[in-house]
Amino acid sequence: MTAGATGRRSLKQRLAAGERLYGALLRIPSETLVEMAGIAGLDYLVIDCEHGPADMTALQHHLTAAAAHGIDVLVRVGTAEPALALRCLDLGAAGIIHPHIDSAADAREAVAADRYPPLGRRGFATYSRAGRFGTVSAAEHLTAAADTLVVAMIETARGCAAARGIAATDGIDAVLVGPADLAVDCGLPPGEALDARIAAVHRAARDAGRAVMSIVPGTAAAEAAARAGARLVLYNTAQVLMDTFRALAAPGRDNTTTGLRATS
């Protein structure tokens, strides 16, 4: 829902104020996890509609639960899915994460899907949940929609090479590197030998005045990401849960997760 409707500042406003925000990536449809994240005090959630099984009805339930607990939701859609991005925003998502952005042209298409004219091509409606079911004026809805957060996700060597153009695209607010897809695209095991590429993308984002989003497997990595300048720190909840379950299953043994990493 909008910042004006809730009395809370949007994620974009909080980033502009210099805050560092912590969130959780949820691939498992669960209103309870959404509520727990809000009660715990996380700043935002990412609901995965690319790899996760969530559908629109489940997403609406998640957004409703999140709003009740004062936590904003970003949604990751699939590659080049403007219709899905529109539906997510109409349901009240605070922003969209677009995967596989390989060029400035891809970035412009992502912005076009999420923003109203003149910057974009998003279809206009105030009778959606985001418009409080028609109870706000068109002007109020347009003002609130300007706070939509647009995140470009870079996941290939081609995308890394185009990072400066992607980050400089008008309307892009943040850049996220997907380490698993990037590793596969580069012919490397996930998580290996990517540091230089990722650092270069992050530099490009910061140079363009965009926020860096970093996905992390736990608190130690979150602290490292924050020290490196990440403004949006995103916990991979599946890995956090699996590490916890493994530790509970065999106390006293080394249960370091080897099969799961801070993947995209």
Protein backbone atom coordinates (compact mmCIF):
# COMPACT_ATOMS: atom_id res chain seq x y z
CA MET A 1 0.00 0.00 0.00
CA THR A 2 1.07 3.61 -0.33
CA ALA A 3 3.09 5.55 2.19
CA GLY A 4 0.32 8.12 2.39
CA ALA A 5 -2.27 5.46 3.13
CA THR A 6 -0.26 3.82 5.87
CA GLY A 7 1.50 6.81 7.36
CA ARG A 8 4.85 5.06 6.81
CA ARG A 9 7.67 6.19 4.61
CA SER A 10 8.22 4.13 1.50
CA LEU A 11 11.34 2.04 0.94
CA LYS A 12 12.44 4.58 -1.67
CA GLN A 13 12.03 7.43 0.82
CA ARG A 14 13.95 5.53 3.47
CA LEU A 15 16.79 4.83 1.04
CA ALA A 16 16.86 8.51 0.09
CA ALA A 17 17.19 9.34 3.78
CA GLY A 18 20.32 7.18 3.97
CA GLU A 19 18.90 4.16 5.79
CA ARG A 20 20.23 0.64 5.37
CA LEU A 21 17.34 -1.80 5.09
CA TYR A 22 17.21 -5.50 5.93
CA GLY A 23 14.82 -7.94 4.31
CA ALA A 24 14.09 -11.60 3.74
CA LEU A 25 13.59 -13.54 0.50
CA LEU A 26 10.58 -15.85 0.75
CA ARG A 27 10.11 -18.62 -1.80
CA ILE A 28 7.72 -20.57 0.44
CA PRO A 29 4.14 -19.25 0.39
CA SER A 30 3.38 -18.61 4.07
CA GLU A 31 1.44 -15.80 5.67
CA THR A 32 2.89 -16.91 9.00
CA LEU A 33 6.45 -16.28 7.80
CA VAL A 34 5.35 -12.86 6.55
CA GLU A 35 3.88 -12.05 9.96
CA MET A 36 6.95 -13.35 11.78
CA ALA A 37 9.23 -11.18 9.63
CA GLY A 38 7.14 -8.12 10.44
CA ILE A 39 7.04 -8.86 14.15
CA ALA A 40 10.80 -9.46 14.15
CA GLY A 41 11.33 -5.97 12.76
CA LEU A 42 12.62 -6.59 9.25
CA ASP A 43 12.22 -3.66 6.89
CA TYR A 44 10.97 -5.49 3.82
CA LEU A 45 10.25 -8.85 2.22
CA VAL A 46 10.89 -10.16 -1.27
CA ILE A 47 8.25 -12.59 -2.51
CA ASP A 48 9.64 -14.78 -5.27
CA CYS A 49 7.21 -15.19 -8.16
CA GLU A 50 10.01 -16.27 -10.50
CA HIS A 51 11.30 -19.47 -8.87
CA GLY A 52 8.81 -19.72 -6.01
CA PRO A 53 5.32 -21.28 -6.27
CA ALA A 54 3.37 -18.19 -5.16
CA ASP A 55 0.35 -17.23 -7.28
CA MET A 56 -1.66 -13.99 -7.30
CA THR A 57 -4.14 -15.09 -4.64
CA ALA A 58 -1.37 -16.18 -2.29
CA LEU A 59 0.52 -12.98 -3.06
CA GLN A 60 -2.49 -10.85 -2.11
CA HIS A 61 -2.72 -12.71 1.21
CA HIS A 62 0.99 -12.08 1.80
CA LEU A 63 0.65 -8.38 1.01
CA THR A 64 -2.32 -8.07 3.33
CA ALA A 65 -0.45 -9.77 6.17
CA ALA A 66 2.62 -7.63 5.53
CA ALA A 67 0.60 -4.40 5.61
CA ALA A 68 -0.94 -5.41 8.93
CA HIS A 69 2.54 -5.71 10.41
CA GLY A 70 4.05 -2.62 8.82
CA ILE A 71 6.44 -4.33 6.42
CA ASP A 72 6.85 -3.53 2.71
CA VAL A 73 6.99 -6.16 -0.01
CA LEU A 74 8.99 -6.31 -3.20
CA VAL A 75 8.09 -8.97 -5.74
CA ARG A 76 10.51 -10.72 -8.05
CA VAL A 77 8.77 -11.46 -11.34
CA GLY A 78 10.06 -13.57 -14.20
CA THR A 79 12.08 -12.36 -17.15
CA ALA A 80 10.24 -9.77 -19.27
CA GLU A 81 6.88 -10.11 -17.53
CA PRO A 82 5.33 -6.61 -17.60
CA ALA A 83 1.79 -7.99 -17.16
CA LEU A 84 2.80 -9.77 -13.95
CA ALA A 85 4.62 -6.67 -12.71
CA LEU A 86 1.44 -4.64 -13.28
CA ARG A 87 -0.69 -7.09 -11.32
CA CYS A 88 1.79 -7.18 -8.44
CA LEU A 89 1.88 -3.40 -8.23
CA ASP A 90 -1.91 -3.16 -8.41
CA LEU A 91 -2.06 -5.55 -5.46
CA GLY A 92 0.09 -3.14 -3.47
CA ALA A 93 3.68 -4.30 -3.88
CA ALA A 94 6.21 -1.60 -2.97
CA GLY A 95 8.33 -2.46 -5.99
CA ILE A 96 9.49 -5.06 -8.46
CA ILE A 97 12.74 -6.96 -8.90
CA HIS A 98 13.37 -7.72 -12.57
CA PRO A 99 15.72 -10.68 -13.23
CA HIS A 100 18.10 -11.15 -16.15
CA ILE A 101 18.66 -7.50 -17.01
CA ASP A 102 21.44 -7.73 -19.60
CA SER A 103 21.45 -4.25 -21.12
CA ALA A 104 20.31 -0.67 -20.73
CA ALA A 105 17.47 -1.53 -23.12
CA ASP A 106 16.33 -4.29 -20.75
CA ALA A 107 16.52 -1.82 -17.87
CA ARG A 108 14.35 0.67 -19.77
CA GLU A 109 11.75 -2.03 -20.36
CA ALA A 110 11.73 -2.86 -16.64
CA VAL A 111 11.16 0.79 -15.77
CA ALA A 112 8.44 1.04 -18.42
CA ALA A 113 6.59 -1.89 -16.84
CA ASP A 114 6.64 -0.37 -13.36
CA ARG A 115 6.14 3.35 -13.89
CA TYR A 116 3.25 5.38 -15.20
CA PRO A 117 3.73 7.72 -18.19
CA PRO A 118 5.72 9.68 -19.11
CA LEU A 119 8.54 7.53 -17.70
CA GLY A 120 6.80 4.21 -18.26
CA ARG A 121 3.81 2.40 -19.73
CA ARG A 122 2.12 0.94 -16.65
CA GLY A 123 -1.64 0.69 -17.09
CA PHE A 124 -3.52 3.10 -14.82
CA ALA A 125 -6.23 2.12 -12.36
CA THR A 126 -7.25 3.40 -8.93
CA TYR A 127 -9.81 0.70 -8.15
CA SER A 128 -7.10 -1.82 -7.30
CA ARG A 129 -5.83 -2.57 -3.82
CA ALA A 130 -2.93 -0.15 -4.44
CA GLY A 131 -5.52 2.59 -5.08
CA ARG A 132 -7.42 1.64 -1.93
CA PHE A 133 -10.23 0.28 -4.10
CA GLY A 134 -10.98 3.59 -5.77
CA THR A 135 -11.04 5.74 -2.64
CA VAL A 136 -8.00 7.86 -3.56
CA SER A 137 -7.87 10.43 -6.32
CA ALA A 138 -5.93 9.88 -9.52
CA ALA A 139 -3.46 12.55 -8.44
CA GLU A 140 -2.89 10.87 -5.05
CA HIS A 141 -2.40 7.51 -6.68
CA LEU A 142 0.12 8.91 -9.17
CA THR A 143 2.05 10.58 -6.35
CA ALA A 144 2.19 7.36 -4.34
CA ALA A 145 3.20 5.32 -7.40
CA ALA A 146 6.26 7.54 -7.86
CA ASP A 147 7.69 5.74 -4.81
CA THR A 148 7.66 2.37 -6.59
CA LEU A 149 11.10 0.76 -6.21
CA VAL A 150 12.56 -0.67 -9.42
CA VAL A 151 15.39 -3.18 -8.95
CA ALA A 152 17.50 -4.44 -11.86
CA MET A 153 18.91 -7.92 -11.32
CA ILE A 154 22.15 -8.69 -13.18
CA GLU A 155 22.82 -12.40 -13.65
CA THR A 156 25.10 -12.84 -16.66
CA ALA A 157 28.54 -11.83 -17.88
CA ARG A 158 26.80 -9.72 -20.51
CA GLY A 159 24.86 -7.93 -17.78
CA CYS A 160 28.03 -7.32 -15.80
CA ALA A 161 29.66 -5.77 -18.87
CA ALA A 162 26.64 -3.49 -19.29
CA ALA A 163 26.34 -2.63 -15.59
CA ARG A 164 27.15 1.05 -15.99
CA GLY A 165 24.49 1.56 -18.63
CA ILE A 166 21.96 -0.44 -16.63
CA ALA A 167 22.61 1.48 -13.43
CA ALA A 168 22.49 4.83 -15.22
CA THR A 169 19.04 4.12 -16.69
CA ASP A 170 16.50 6.69 -15.53
CA GLY A 171 14.05 5.03 -13.15
CA ILE A 172 16.29 2.24 -11.87
CA ASP A 173 16.58 2.55 -8.08
CA ALA A 174 18.73 -0.43 -7.09
CA VAL A 175 20.89 -3.15 -8.56
CA LEU A 176 21.11 -6.77 -7.39
CA VAL A 177 23.58 -9.38 -8.62
CA GLY A 178 22.23 -12.93 -8.82
CA PRO A 179 25.31 -14.97 -7.88
CA ALA A 180 24.01 -18.42 -8.79
CA ASP A 181 22.89 -17.55 -12.32
CA LEU A 182 26.02 -15.47 -12.83
CA ALA A 183 28.24 -18.39 -11.82
CA VAL A 184 26.44 -20.76 -14.17
CA ASP A 185 26.60 -18.24 -17.00
CA CYS A 186 30.35 -17.89 -16.43
CA GLY A 187 30.82 -21.67 -16.29
CA LEU A 188 31.80 -21.65 -12.61
CA PRO A 189 30.49 -23.49 -9.56
CA PRO A 190 27.96 -21.24 -7.75
CA GLY A 191 29.70 -18.81 -5.40
CA GLU A 192 33.21 -19.24 -6.79
CA ALA A 193 35.46 -16.62 -8.44
CA LEU A 194 32.73 -14.00 -8.76
CA ASP A 195 34.02 -11.39 -6.34
CA ALA A 196 35.66 -9.16 -8.94
CA ARG A 197 32.62 -9.15 -11.25
CA ILE A 198 30.20 -8.48 -8.41
CA ALA A 199 32.38 -5.71 -7.00
CA ALA A 200 32.50 -4.04 -10.43
CA VAL A 201 28.70 -4.11 -10.71
CA HIS A 202 28.36 -2.66 -7.22
CA ARG A 203 30.78 0.14 -8.09
CA ALA A 204 28.76 0.94 -11.19
CA ALA A 205 25.58 1.09 -9.12
CA ARG A 206 27.08 3.38 -6.49
CA ASP A 207 28.66 5.63 -9.12
CA ALA A 208 25.21 6.08 -10.68
CA GLY A 209 23.67 6.87 -7.29
CA ARG A 210 21.73 3.58 -7.14
CA ALA A 211 21.36 1.40 -4.06
CA VAL A 212 23.16 -1.93 -3.96
CA MET A 213 21.06 -4.91 -2.92
CA SER A 214 23.02 -7.96 -1.71
CA ILE A 215 21.61 -11.41 -1.01
CA VAL A 216 23.26 -13.11 1.98
CA PRO A 217 23.07 -16.48 3.79
CA GLY A 218 23.25 -15.20 7.37
CA THR A 219 24.18 -12.45 9.78
CA ALA A 220 27.96 -12.61 9.28
CA ALA A 221 27.55 -12.17 5.54
CA ALA A 222 24.99 -9.41 6.18
CA GLU A 223 27.54 -7.50 8.24
CA ALA A 224 30.14 -7.92 5.48
CA ALA A 225 27.66 -6.72 2.85
CA ALA A 226 26.83 -3.67 4.95
CA ARG A 227 30.52 -2.85 5.36
CA ALA A 228 30.91 -3.14 1.59
CA GLY A 229 28.18 -0.55 1.08
CA ALA A 230 24.99 -2.57 0.49
CA ARG A 231 21.92 -0.48 1.26
CA LEU A 232 19.42 -3.30 0.80
CA VAL A 233 20.56 -6.47 2.58
CA LEU A 234 18.48 -9.53 1.72
CA TYR A 235 18.56 -12.76 3.71
CA ASN A 236 18.09 -16.01 1.80
CA THR A 237 15.46 -17.44 4.13
CA ALA A 238 15.62 -20.95 2.68
CA GLN A 239 19.29 -21.17 3.58
CA VAL A 240 18.76 -19.65 7.03
CA LEU A 241 16.05 -22.22 7.75
CA MET A 242 18.05 -25.15 6.41
CA ASP A 243 21.12 -24.18 8.42
CA THR A 244 18.92 -23.94 11.51
CA PHE A 245 17.22 -27.28 10.89
CA ARG A 246 20.53 -29.04 10.26
CA ALA A 247 21.93 -27.62 13.48
CA LEU A 248 18.86 -28.79 15.38
CA ALA A 249 18.99 -32.24 13.78
CA ALA A 250 22.54 -32.98 14.91
CA PRO A 251 23.70 -30.80 17.82
CA GLY A 252 27.45 -30.67 18.23
CA ARG A 253 28.21 -31.75 14.68
CA ASP A 254 29.47 -29.55 11.86
CA ASN A 255 26.27 -28.83 9.93
CA THR A 256 27.50 -26.14 7.60
CA THR A 257 25.23 -26.06 4.59
CA THR A 258 27.15 -27.10 1.50
CA GLY A 259 24.34 -27.48 -0.97
CA LEU A 260 22.74 -24.10 -0.41
CA ARG A 261 24.43 -20.77 -0.89
CA ALA A 262 23.29 -17.18 -1.05
CA THR A 263 21.79 -17.95 -4.41
CA SER A 264 19.52 -15.99 -6.61
